[in-house]
């Protein structure tokens, strides 16, 4: 271990951060019982690598502190597939080869069998799963592009959305059911009627100096695009870098992006954040979902 790497590791330990590894040497393994509770879609048969273990910060950088129990902390443990995994679409076809220059890792997260879980939907899915894992199911609610709110509690109570043009009404149309299967059906409903325009309308617009894991960049449109800030690291000079992840069109595996040969971390020091598959995101496109902290 180099002196610089030793200092990064020591700083992470002193700050009590979940990261701190100085080399991405963590091999795939079965998820623990605790991980299956935190990431409830996981099965015991899967082989995973937690994000913070699989992708260390660059030399001279340490992960920023995050609030315990926050969306950002949860994302640091996001299960990744073994190295060498390609990005597959909802039909199982290959979208990105495992050695694609813009691909750093693939999340172990199901996509479903329909062309629904795309870029904005992937962010909503992860946020909803975080709230589910914390037992805060009454806070799971997202807006359609029309602005109408679709809450999980309403759906679990048996109500269903009746959509006519830009009008949405809720009627009794299903059984009272709070199961995981019904939760996934609820998310598919949200994916159908929400999108980048929904996320672009989020009222929480953090300043660039306050960017943190769990925030996202979004340019709303038809189509638009959104990428999720999975992690942030800083060096002694105050320079910051971020891990960015995305879903895309067609619906496909959520994956960690890479800017190129220098590794998967994107600089946050410019006036824009450029990603491989979309036009650069200006800082004015930074958003934060409500409830992303533990409060």
C-alpha atoms as a PDB file:
ATOM      1  CA  UNK A   1       0.000   0.000   0.000  1.00  0.00           C
ATOM      2  CA  UNK A   2       1.346   3.450  -0.927  1.00  0.00           C
ATOM      3  CA  UNK A   3       1.570   6.302   1.581  1.00  0.00           C
ATOM      4  CA  UNK A   4      -1.242   8.127  -0.246  1.00  0.00           C
ATOM      5  CA  UNK A   5      -3.456   5.054  -0.195  1.00  0.00           C
ATOM      6  CA  UNK A   6      -2.734   4.558   3.485  1.00  0.00           C
ATOM      7  CA  UNK A   7      -3.804   8.135   4.240  1.00  0.00           C
ATOM      8  CA  UNK A   8      -7.062   7.665   2.277  1.00  0.00           C
ATOM      9  CA  UNK A   9      -7.833   4.466   4.154  1.00  0.00           C
ATOM     10  CA  UNK A  10      -6.995   6.027   7.518  1.00  0.00           C
ATOM     11  CA  UNK A  11      -9.195   9.058   6.811  1.00  0.00           C
ATOM     12  CA  UNK A  12     -12.128   6.828   5.855  1.00  0.00           C
ATOM     13  CA  UNK A  13     -11.747   4.836   9.056  1.00  0.00           C
ATOM     14  CA  UNK A  14     -11.526   7.962  11.210  1.00  0.00           C
ATOM     15  CA  UNK A  15     -14.643   9.430   9.597  1.00  0.00           C
ATOM     16  CA  UNK A  16     -16.504   6.167  10.001  1.00  0.00           C
ATOM     17  CA  UNK A  17     -17.361   6.026   6.308  1.00  0.00           C
ATOM     18  CA  UNK A  18     -18.679   2.823   4.759  1.00  0.00           C
ATOM     19  CA  UNK A  19     -16.001   3.037   2.086  1.00  0.00           C
ATOM     20  CA  UNK A  20     -12.282   3.154   2.650  1.00  0.00           C
ATOM     21  CA  UNK A  21     -11.079   0.342   0.424  1.00  0.00           C
ATOM     22  CA  UNK A  22      -8.133   1.454  -1.671  1.00  0.00           C
ATOM     23  CA  UNK A  23      -8.391  -1.208  -4.335  1.00  0.00           C
ATOM     24  CA  UNK A  24     -11.401  -2.745  -6.004  1.00  0.00           C
ATOM     25  CA  UNK A  25     -10.403  -6.239  -4.974  1.00  0.00           C
ATOM     26  CA  UNK A  26     -13.720  -7.361  -3.476  1.00  0.00           C
ATOM     27  CA  UNK A  27     -14.822 -10.509  -5.249  1.00  0.00           C
ATOM     28  CA  UNK A  28     -18.434 -11.545  -5.812  1.00  0.00           C
ATOM     29  CA  UNK A  29     -20.188 -13.376  -2.998  1.00  0.00           C
ATOM     30  CA  UNK A  30     -23.667 -14.320  -1.864  1.00  0.00           C
ATOM     31  CA  UNK A  31     -25.603 -11.470  -0.208  1.00  0.00           C
ATOM     32  CA  UNK A  32     -25.815 -11.544   3.558  1.00  0.00           C
ATOM     33  CA  UNK A  33     -29.123 -11.740   5.409  1.00  0.00           C
ATOM     34  CA  UNK A  34     -28.781  -8.046   6.280  1.00  0.00           C
ATOM     35  CA  UNK A  35     -28.139  -7.131   2.630  1.00  0.00           C
ATOM     36  CA  UNK A  36     -31.220  -9.058   1.513  1.00  0.00           C
ATOM     37  CA  UNK A  37     -33.242  -7.012   4.004  1.00  0.00           C
ATOM     38  CA  UNK A  38     -31.718  -3.735   2.784  1.00  0.00           C
ATOM     39  CA  UNK A  39     -32.087  -4.675  -0.898  1.00  0.00           C
ATOM     40  CA  UNK A  40     -35.243  -6.827  -0.783  1.00  0.00           C
ATOM     41  CA  UNK A  41     -35.295  -7.818  -4.467  1.00  0.00           C
ATOM     42  CA  UNK A  42     -32.088  -9.839  -3.951  1.00  0.00           C
ATOM     43  CA  UNK A  43     -32.172 -13.613  -3.791  1.00  0.00           C
ATOM     44  CA  UNK A  44     -29.682 -15.698  -1.832  1.00  0.00           C
ATOM     45  CA  UNK A  45     -28.456 -17.336  -5.054  1.00  0.00           C
ATOM     46  CA  UNK A  46     -27.076 -14.115  -6.552  1.00  0.00           C
ATOM     47  CA  UNK A  47     -23.385 -13.182  -6.530  1.00  0.00           C
ATOM     48  CA  UNK A  48     -22.841  -9.532  -5.658  1.00  0.00           C
ATOM     49  CA  UNK A  49     -20.249  -6.862  -4.881  1.00  0.00           C
ATOM     50  CA  UNK A  50     -21.339  -3.883  -2.760  1.00  0.00           C
ATOM     51  CA  UNK A  51     -20.634  -0.666  -4.654  1.00  0.00           C
ATOM     52  CA  UNK A  52     -18.408   0.885  -1.971  1.00  0.00           C
ATOM     53  CA  UNK A  53     -16.220  -2.232  -1.875  1.00  0.00           C
ATOM     54  CA  UNK A  54     -16.089  -2.775  -5.618  1.00  0.00           C
ATOM     55  CA  UNK A  55     -15.306   0.822  -6.630  1.00  0.00           C
ATOM     56  CA  UNK A  56     -12.825   2.646  -4.378  1.00  0.00           C
ATOM     57  CA  UNK A  57     -12.300   6.407  -4.610  1.00  0.00           C
ATOM     58  CA  UNK A  58      -9.370   7.649  -6.716  1.00  0.00           C
ATOM     59  CA  UNK A  59      -5.970   7.956  -5.085  1.00  0.00           C
ATOM     60  CA  UNK A  60      -5.903  11.006  -2.812  1.00  0.00           C
ATOM     61  CA  UNK A  61      -9.696  11.132  -2.438  1.00  0.00           C
ATOM     62  CA  UNK A  62     -12.010   9.994   0.351  1.00  0.00           C
ATOM     63  CA  UNK A  63     -15.745   9.461   0.232  1.00  0.00           C
ATOM     64  CA  UNK A  64     -17.729  12.358   1.688  1.00  0.00           C
ATOM     65  CA  UNK A  65     -19.657  11.800   4.907  1.00  0.00           C
ATOM     66  CA  UNK A  66     -23.312  10.835   4.526  1.00  0.00           C
ATOM     67  CA  UNK A  67     -26.152  10.690   7.008  1.00  0.00           C
ATOM     68  CA  UNK A  68     -26.689   7.262   8.530  1.00  0.00           C
ATOM     69  CA  UNK A  69     -29.780   5.645   7.033  1.00  0.00           C
ATOM     70  CA  UNK A  70     -29.978   8.148   4.165  1.00  0.00           C
ATOM     71  CA  UNK A  71     -30.596   7.306   0.531  1.00  0.00           C
ATOM     72  CA  UNK A  72     -26.953   8.119  -0.172  1.00  0.00           C
ATOM     73  CA  UNK A  73     -25.677   5.676   2.431  1.00  0.00           C
ATOM     74  CA  UNK A  74     -28.023   3.010   1.067  1.00  0.00           C
ATOM     75  CA  UNK A  75     -26.694   3.558  -2.452  1.00  0.00           C
ATOM     76  CA  UNK A  76     -23.146   2.930  -1.267  1.00  0.00           C
ATOM     77  CA  UNK A  77     -24.111  -0.656  -0.565  1.00  0.00           C
ATOM     78  CA  UNK A  78     -25.928  -1.086  -3.895  1.00  0.00           C
ATOM     79  CA  UNK A  79     -25.293  -4.663  -5.035  1.00  0.00           C
ATOM     80  CA  UNK A  80     -23.340  -4.994  -8.265  1.00  0.00           C
ATOM     81  CA  UNK A  81     -23.017  -8.025 -10.499  1.00  0.00           C
ATOM     82  CA  UNK A  82     -19.625  -9.725 -10.903  1.00  0.00           C
ATOM     83  CA  UNK A  83     -17.047  -7.853 -12.976  1.00  0.00           C
ATOM     84  CA  UNK A  84     -17.396  -8.641 -16.670  1.00  0.00           C
ATOM     85  CA  UNK A  85     -21.205  -8.415 -16.739  1.00  0.00           C
ATOM     86  CA  UNK A  86     -22.808  -6.773 -19.804  1.00  0.00           C
ATOM     87  CA  UNK A  87     -25.853  -4.491 -19.785  1.00  0.00           C
ATOM     88  CA  UNK A  88     -28.956  -6.358 -20.906  1.00  0.00           C
ATOM     89  CA  UNK A  89     -32.314  -4.989 -21.984  1.00  0.00           C
ATOM     90  CA  UNK A  90     -35.696  -6.133 -20.677  1.00  0.00           C
ATOM     91  CA  UNK A  91     -35.790  -8.929 -23.265  1.00  0.00           C
ATOM     92  CA  UNK A  92     -32.335 -10.222 -22.312  1.00  0.00           C
ATOM     93  CA  UNK A  93     -30.535  -8.789 -25.329  1.00  0.00           C
ATOM     94  CA  UNK A  94     -27.102  -7.210 -24.910  1.00  0.00           C
ATOM     95  CA  UNK A  95     -27.077  -3.398 -24.914  1.00  0.00           C
ATOM     96  CA  UNK A  96     -23.509  -2.741 -23.766  1.00  0.00           C
ATOM     97  CA  UNK A  97     -20.701  -5.274 -23.910  1.00  0.00           C
ATOM     98  CA  UNK A  98     -18.913  -5.964 -20.636  1.00  0.00           C
ATOM     99  CA  UNK A  99     -15.758  -4.266 -21.933  1.00  0.00           C
ATOM    100  CA  UNK A 100     -17.507  -1.115 -23.208  1.00  0.00           C
ATOM    101  CA  UNK A 101     -15.399   1.940 -22.365  1.00  0.00           C
ATOM    102  CA  UNK A 102     -18.373   3.781 -20.825  1.00  0.00           C
ATOM    103  CA  UNK A 103     -19.381   0.883 -18.567  1.00  0.00           C
ATOM    104  CA  UNK A 104     -17.923   0.544 -15.062  1.00  0.00           C
ATOM    105  CA  UNK A 105     -20.313  -1.957 -13.456  1.00  0.00           C
ATOM    106  CA  UNK A 106     -23.848  -3.362 -13.639  1.00  0.00           C
ATOM    107  CA  UNK A 107     -26.253  -3.298 -10.705  1.00  0.00           C
ATOM    108  CA  UNK A 108     -27.910  -6.511  -9.545  1.00  0.00           C
ATOM    109  CA  UNK A 109     -31.403  -5.115 -10.008  1.00  0.00           C
ATOM    110  CA  UNK A 110     -34.233  -6.707 -11.974  1.00  0.00           C
ATOM    111  CA  UNK A 111     -35.649  -4.756 -14.898  1.00  0.00           C
ATOM    112  CA  UNK A 112     -38.977  -6.510 -15.388  1.00  0.00           C
ATOM    113  CA  UNK A 113     -40.403  -7.986 -18.563  1.00  0.00           C
ATOM    114  CA  UNK A 114     -41.787  -4.778 -20.103  1.00  0.00           C
ATOM    115  CA  UNK A 115     -40.133  -1.735 -21.641  1.00  0.00           C
ATOM    116  CA  UNK A 116     -40.852   0.430 -18.589  1.00  0.00           C
ATOM    117  CA  UNK A 117     -37.905   0.784 -16.191  1.00  0.00           C
ATOM    118  CA  UNK A 118     -35.897   3.339 -18.136  1.00  0.00           C
ATOM    119  CA  UNK A 119     -33.740   6.270 -16.944  1.00  0.00           C
ATOM    120  CA  UNK A 120     -36.068   8.266 -14.663  1.00  0.00           C
ATOM    121  CA  UNK A 121     -37.847   5.077 -13.643  1.00  0.00           C
ATOM    122  CA  UNK A 122     -34.604   3.502 -12.406  1.00  0.00           C
ATOM    123  CA  UNK A 123     -34.060   6.447 -10.065  1.00  0.00           C
ATOM    124  CA  UNK A 124     -37.641   6.210  -8.790  1.00  0.00           C
ATOM    125  CA  UNK A 125     -37.245   2.437  -8.350  1.00  0.00           C
ATOM    126  CA  UNK A 126     -34.115   2.754  -6.232  1.00  0.00           C
ATOM    127  CA  UNK A 127     -35.579   5.555  -4.119  1.00  0.00           C
ATOM    128  CA  UNK A 128     -38.769   3.548  -3.532  1.00  0.00           C
ATOM    129  CA  UNK A 129     -36.781   0.437  -2.607  1.00  0.00           C
ATOM    130  CA  UNK A 130     -34.790   2.465  -0.081  1.00  0.00           C
ATOM    131  CA  UNK A 131     -37.997   3.682   1.593  1.00  0.00           C
ATOM    132  CA  UNK A 132     -39.433   0.149   1.506  1.00  0.00           C
ATOM    133  CA  UNK A 133     -36.333  -1.272   3.173  1.00  0.00           C
ATOM    134  CA  UNK A 134     -36.579   1.334   5.946  1.00  0.00           C
ATOM    135  CA  UNK A 135     -40.207   0.483   6.642  1.00  0.00           C
ATOM    136  CA  UNK A 136     -41.300   3.956   5.499  1.00  0.00           C
ATOM    137  CA  UNK A 137     -43.833   2.688   2.990  1.00  0.00           C
ATOM    138  CA  UNK A 138     -46.255   5.525   3.684  1.00  0.00           C
ATOM    139  CA  UNK A 139     -43.689   7.924   2.159  1.00  0.00           C
ATOM    140  CA  UNK A 140     -43.564   6.100  -1.189  1.00  0.00           C
ATOM    141  CA  UNK A 141     -45.309   8.442  -3.611  1.00  0.00           C
ATOM    142  CA  UNK A 142     -44.314   9.879  -7.006  1.00  0.00           C
ATOM    143  CA  UNK A 143     -45.898  12.245  -9.473  1.00  0.00           C
ATOM    144  CA  UNK A 144     -47.029  11.406 -12.971  1.00  0.00           C
ATOM    145  CA  UNK A 145     -45.966  13.746 -15.767  1.00  0.00           C
ATOM    146  CA  UNK A 146     -49.441  15.300 -15.387  1.00  0.00           C
ATOM    147  CA  UNK A 147     -48.529  16.298 -11.826  1.00  0.00           C
ATOM    148  CA  UNK A 148     -50.950  13.868 -10.154  1.00  0.00           C
ATOM    149  CA  UNK A 149     -49.576  12.043  -7.133  1.00  0.00           C
ATOM    150  CA  UNK A 150     -49.548   8.250  -7.093  1.00  0.00           C
ATOM    151  CA  UNK A 151     -48.980   6.893  -3.597  1.00  0.00           C
ATOM    152  CA  UNK A 152     -48.179   3.327  -2.653  1.00  0.00           C
ATOM    153  CA  UNK A 153     -50.567   3.438   0.322  1.00  0.00           C
ATOM    154  CA  UNK A 154     -53.447   4.252  -2.002  1.00  0.00           C
ATOM    155  CA  UNK A 155     -52.508   1.458  -4.407  1.00  0.00           C
ATOM    156  CA  UNK A 156     -52.018  -1.074  -1.580  1.00  0.00           C
ATOM    157  CA  UNK A 157     -55.494  -0.150  -0.298  1.00  0.00           C
ATOM    158  CA  UNK A 158     -56.945  -1.387  -3.598  1.00  0.00           C
ATOM    159  CA  UNK A 159     -57.336   1.900  -5.468  1.00  0.00           C
ATOM    160  CA  UNK A 160     -56.286   2.093  -9.107  1.00  0.00           C
ATOM    161  CA  UNK A 161     -55.543   5.060 -11.345  1.00  0.00           C
ATOM    162  CA  UNK A 162     -57.963   5.774 -14.152  1.00  0.00           C
ATOM    163  CA  UNK A 163     -56.124   7.886 -16.714  1.00  0.00           C
ATOM    164  CA  UNK A 164     -57.962   9.814 -19.407  1.00  0.00           C
ATOM    165  CA  UNK A 165     -55.710  12.192 -21.298  1.00  0.00           C
ATOM    166  CA  UNK A 166     -54.224  14.514 -18.694  1.00  0.00           C
ATOM    167  CA  UNK A 167     -56.883  13.672 -16.108  1.00  0.00           C
ATOM    168  CA  UNK A 168     -56.320  11.058 -13.410  1.00  0.00           C
ATOM    169  CA  UNK A 169     -58.885   9.722 -10.963  1.00  0.00           C
ATOM    170  CA  UNK A 170     -58.555   6.942  -8.402  1.00  0.00           C
ATOM    171  CA  UNK A 171     -61.202   4.250  -8.100  1.00  0.00           C
ATOM    172  CA  UNK A 172     -61.565   1.046  -6.135  1.00  0.00           C
ATOM    173  CA  UNK A 173     -60.324  -1.629  -8.513  1.00  0.00           C
ATOM    174  CA  UNK A 174     -58.211  -4.175  -6.690  1.00  0.00           C
ATOM    175  CA  UNK A 175     -57.810  -6.048  -3.427  1.00  0.00           C
ATOM    176  CA  UNK A 176     -56.154  -4.674  -0.327  1.00  0.00           C
ATOM    177  CA  UNK A 177     -52.642  -6.080  -0.778  1.00  0.00           C
ATOM    178  CA  UNK A 178     -49.304  -4.838   0.540  1.00  0.00           C
ATOM    179  CA  UNK A 179     -47.173  -7.623  -0.941  1.00  0.00           C
ATOM    180  CA  UNK A 180     -43.945  -7.244  -2.907  1.00  0.00           C
ATOM    181  CA  UNK A 181     -45.700  -8.429  -6.070  1.00  0.00           C
ATOM    182  CA  UNK A 182     -48.290  -5.658  -5.728  1.00  0.00           C
ATOM    183  CA  UNK A 183     -45.522  -3.162  -4.959  1.00  0.00           C
ATOM    184  CA  UNK A 184     -43.828  -4.038  -8.262  1.00  0.00           C
ATOM    185  CA  UNK A 185     -47.160  -3.613 -10.054  1.00  0.00           C
ATOM    186  CA  UNK A 186     -47.494  -0.176  -8.430  1.00  0.00           C
ATOM    187  CA  UNK A 187     -44.008   0.771  -9.631  1.00  0.00           C
ATOM    188  CA  UNK A 188     -44.865  -0.320 -13.168  1.00  0.00           C
ATOM    189  CA  UNK A 189     -47.856   2.020 -13.013  1.00  0.00           C
ATOM    190  CA  UNK A 190     -45.569   4.874 -11.940  1.00  0.00           C
ATOM    191  CA  UNK A 191     -43.047   4.003 -14.670  1.00  0.00           C
ATOM    192  CA  UNK A 192     -45.843   4.153 -17.249  1.00  0.00           C
ATOM    193  CA  UNK A 193     -46.979   7.674 -16.392  1.00  0.00           C
ATOM    194  CA  UNK A 194     -43.894   9.314 -14.858  1.00  0.00           C
ATOM    195  CA  UNK A 195     -40.631  10.253 -16.543  1.00  0.00           C
ATOM    196  CA  UNK A 196     -37.910  12.846 -16.855  1.00  0.00           C
ATOM    197  CA  UNK A 197     -40.455  15.668 -16.878  1.00  0.00           C
ATOM    198  CA  UNK A 198     -41.734  14.421 -13.508  1.00  0.00           C
ATOM    199  CA  UNK A 199     -38.231  14.423 -12.020  1.00  0.00           C
ATOM    200  CA  UNK A 200     -37.382  17.760 -13.607  1.00  0.00           C
ATOM    201  CA  UNK A 201     -40.325  19.276 -11.728  1.00  0.00           C
ATOM    202  CA  UNK A 202     -38.975  18.217  -8.311  1.00  0.00           C
ATOM    203  CA  UNK A 203     -38.843  21.247  -6.030  1.00  0.00           C
ATOM    204  CA  UNK A 204     -35.622  20.347  -4.207  1.00  0.00           C
ATOM    205  CA  UNK A 205     -32.815  21.881  -6.239  1.00  0.00           C
ATOM    206  CA  UNK A 206     -29.570  21.627  -4.277  1.00  0.00           C
ATOM    207  CA  UNK A 207     -26.680  23.952  -4.984  1.00  0.00           C
ATOM    208  CA  UNK A 208     -23.620  22.497  -6.666  1.00  0.00           C
ATOM    209  CA  UNK A 209     -21.547  22.808  -3.482  1.00  0.00           C
ATOM    210  CA  UNK A 210     -24.132  20.662  -1.691  1.00  0.00           C
ATOM    211  CA  UNK A 211     -24.280  17.786  -4.198  1.00  0.00           C
ATOM    212  CA  UNK A 212     -24.430  14.439  -2.416  1.00  0.00           C
ATOM    213  CA  UNK A 213     -25.090  10.765  -3.109  1.00  0.00           C
ATOM    214  CA  UNK A 214     -28.748  10.273  -3.983  1.00  0.00           C
ATOM    215  CA  UNK A 215     -29.065  13.514  -5.968  1.00  0.00           C
ATOM    216  CA  UNK A 216     -29.567  13.324  -9.722  1.00  0.00           C
ATOM    217  CA  UNK A 217     -29.136  15.332 -12.892  1.00  0.00           C
ATOM    218  CA  UNK A 218     -32.137  15.515 -15.207  1.00  0.00           C
ATOM    219  CA  UNK A 219     -32.977  17.169 -18.500  1.00  0.00           C
ATOM    220  CA  UNK A 220     -36.681  16.679 -18.982  1.00  0.00           C
ATOM    221  CA  UNK A 221     -38.162  15.991 -22.378  1.00  0.00           C
ATOM    222  CA  UNK A 222     -39.619  13.403 -24.690  1.00  0.00           C
ATOM    223  CA  UNK A 223     -37.123  11.918 -24.652  1.00  0.00           C
ATOM    224  CA  UNK A 224     -35.066  13.419 -21.846  1.00  0.00           C
ATOM    225  CA  UNK A 225     -32.477  11.794 -19.659  1.00  0.00           C
ATOM    226  CA  UNK A 226     -31.462  11.497 -16.006  1.00  0.00           C
ATOM    227  CA  UNK A 227     -28.429  10.110 -14.207  1.00  0.00           C
ATOM    228  CA  UNK A 228     -28.165   9.309 -10.505  1.00  0.00           C
ATOM    229  CA  UNK A 229     -25.297  10.440  -8.268  1.00  0.00           C
ATOM    230  CA  UNK A 230     -24.292   7.185  -6.584  1.00  0.00           C
ATOM    231  CA  UNK A 231     -21.350   8.517  -4.596  1.00  0.00           C
ATOM    232  CA  UNK A 232     -19.155  11.585  -4.098  1.00  0.00           C
ATOM    233  CA  UNK A 233     -15.503  11.811  -3.033  1.00  0.00           C
ATOM    234  CA  UNK A 234     -13.271  14.792  -2.226  1.00  0.00           C
ATOM    235  CA  UNK A 235      -9.534  15.396  -1.958  1.00  0.00           C
ATOM    236  CA  UNK A 236      -7.592  17.741   0.329  1.00  0.00           C
ATOM    237  CA  UNK A 237      -7.856  20.550  -2.242  1.00  0.00           C
ATOM    238  CA  UNK A 238     -11.637  20.364  -2.134  1.00  0.00           C
ATOM    239  CA  UNK A 239     -11.893  18.900  -5.635  1.00  0.00           C
ATOM    240  CA  UNK A 240     -14.826  16.527  -6.004  1.00  0.00           C
ATOM    241  CA  UNK A 241     -15.626  13.529  -8.163  1.00  0.00           C
ATOM    242  CA  UNK A 242     -18.771  11.416  -8.441  1.00  0.00           C
ATOM    243  CA  UNK A 243     -19.963   7.975  -9.446  1.00  0.00           C
ATOM    244  CA  UNK A 244     -22.920   8.230 -11.818  1.00  0.00           C
ATOM    245  CA  UNK A 245     -25.424   5.540 -12.741  1.00  0.00           C
ATOM    246  CA  UNK A 246     -28.224   5.292 -15.247  1.00  0.00           C
ATOM    247  CA  UNK A 247     -30.974   3.273 -16.818  1.00  0.00           C
ATOM    248  CA  UNK A 248     -31.788   4.049 -20.423  1.00  0.00           C
ATOM    249  CA  UNK A 249     -34.023   3.380 -23.415  1.00  0.00           C
ATOM    250  CA  UNK A 250     -35.020   0.623 -24.014  1.00  0.00           C
ATOM    251  CA  UNK A 251     -35.521  -0.536 -20.409  1.00  0.00           C
ATOM    252  CA  UNK A 252     -32.246  -2.088 -19.341  1.00  0.00           C
ATOM    253  CA  UNK A 253     -29.989  -2.930 -16.431  1.00  0.00           C
ATOM    254  CA  UNK A 254     -29.119   0.012 -14.220  1.00  0.00           C
ATOM    255  CA  UNK A 255     -25.382   0.516 -14.617  1.00  0.00           C
ATOM    256  CA  UNK A 256     -22.474   2.584 -13.323  1.00  0.00           C
ATOM    257  CA  UNK A 257     -20.968   4.833 -15.965  1.00  0.00           C
ATOM    258  CA  UNK A 258     -17.333   5.562 -16.731  1.00  0.00           C
ATOM    259  CA  UNK A 259     -15.947   8.676 -18.444  1.00  0.00           C
ATOM    260  CA  UNK A 260     -13.154   6.650 -20.038  1.00  0.00           C
ATOM    261  CA  UNK A 261      -9.837   4.994 -19.362  1.00  0.00           C
ATOM    262  CA  UNK A 262      -9.065   7.021 -16.232  1.00  0.00           C
ATOM    263  CA  UNK A 263     -11.680   5.191 -14.191  1.00  0.00           C
ATOM    264  CA  UNK A 264     -15.345   5.493 -13.276  1.00  0.00           C
ATOM    265  CA  UNK A 265     -15.278   8.801 -11.376  1.00  0.00           C
ATOM    266  CA  UNK A 266     -16.582  11.974 -13.037  1.00  0.00           C
ATOM    267  CA  UNK A 267     -15.189  15.402 -12.182  1.00  0.00           C
ATOM    268  CA  UNK A 268     -17.614  17.825 -10.518  1.00  0.00           C
ATOM    269  CA  UNK A 269     -15.388  20.869 -10.964  1.00  0.00           C
ATOM    270  CA  UNK A 270     -16.660  22.059 -14.345  1.00  0.00           C
ATOM    271  CA  UNK A 271     -19.697  24.143 -15.254  1.00  0.00           C
ATOM    272  CA  UNK A 272     -21.293  21.003 -16.681  1.00  0.00           C
ATOM    273  CA  UNK A 273     -21.148  17.266 -16.052  1.00  0.00           C
ATOM    274  CA  UNK A 274     -20.634  15.384 -19.305  1.00  0.00           C
ATOM    275  CA  UNK A 275     -21.769  11.759 -19.527  1.00  0.00           C
ATOM    276  CA  UNK A 276     -21.178   9.281 -22.371  1.00  0.00           C
ATOM    277  CA  UNK A 277     -24.709   8.884 -23.759  1.00  0.00           C
ATOM    278  CA  UNK A 278     -26.318  12.321 -23.463  1.00  0.00           C
ATOM    279  CA  UNK A 279     -25.555  15.977 -23.779  1.00  0.00           C
ATOM    280  CA  UNK A 280     -23.791  17.575 -20.771  1.00  0.00           C
ATOM    281  CA  UNK A 281     -25.865  18.253 -17.681  1.00  0.00           C
ATOM    282  CA  UNK A 282     -25.647  21.860 -16.392  1.00  0.00           C
ATOM    283  CA  UNK A 283     -25.665  22.361 -12.634  1.00  0.00           C
ATOM    284  CA  UNK A 284     -29.113  23.889 -12.960  1.00  0.00           C
ATOM    285  CA  UNK A 285     -30.358  20.359 -13.747  1.00  0.00           C
ATOM    286  CA  UNK A 286     -29.387  19.006 -10.304  1.00  0.00           C
ATOM    287  CA  UNK A 287     -32.377  17.722  -8.307  1.00  0.00           C
ATOM    288  CA  UNK A 288     -33.111  15.823  -5.090  1.00  0.00           C
ATOM    289  CA  UNK A 289     -36.105  13.614  -4.333  1.00  0.00           C
ATOM    290  CA  UNK A 290     -38.088  14.441  -1.221  1.00  0.00           C
ATOM    291  CA  UNK A 291     -37.343  12.226   1.753  1.00  0.00           C
ATOM    292  CA  UNK A 292     -33.787  11.446   0.638  1.00  0.00           C
ATOM    293  CA  UNK A 293     -32.570  11.960   4.218  1.00  0.00           C
ATOM    294  CA  UNK A 294     -33.677  10.028   7.285  1.00  0.00           C
ATOM    295  CA  UNK A 295     -35.838  12.875   8.600  1.00  0.00           C
END
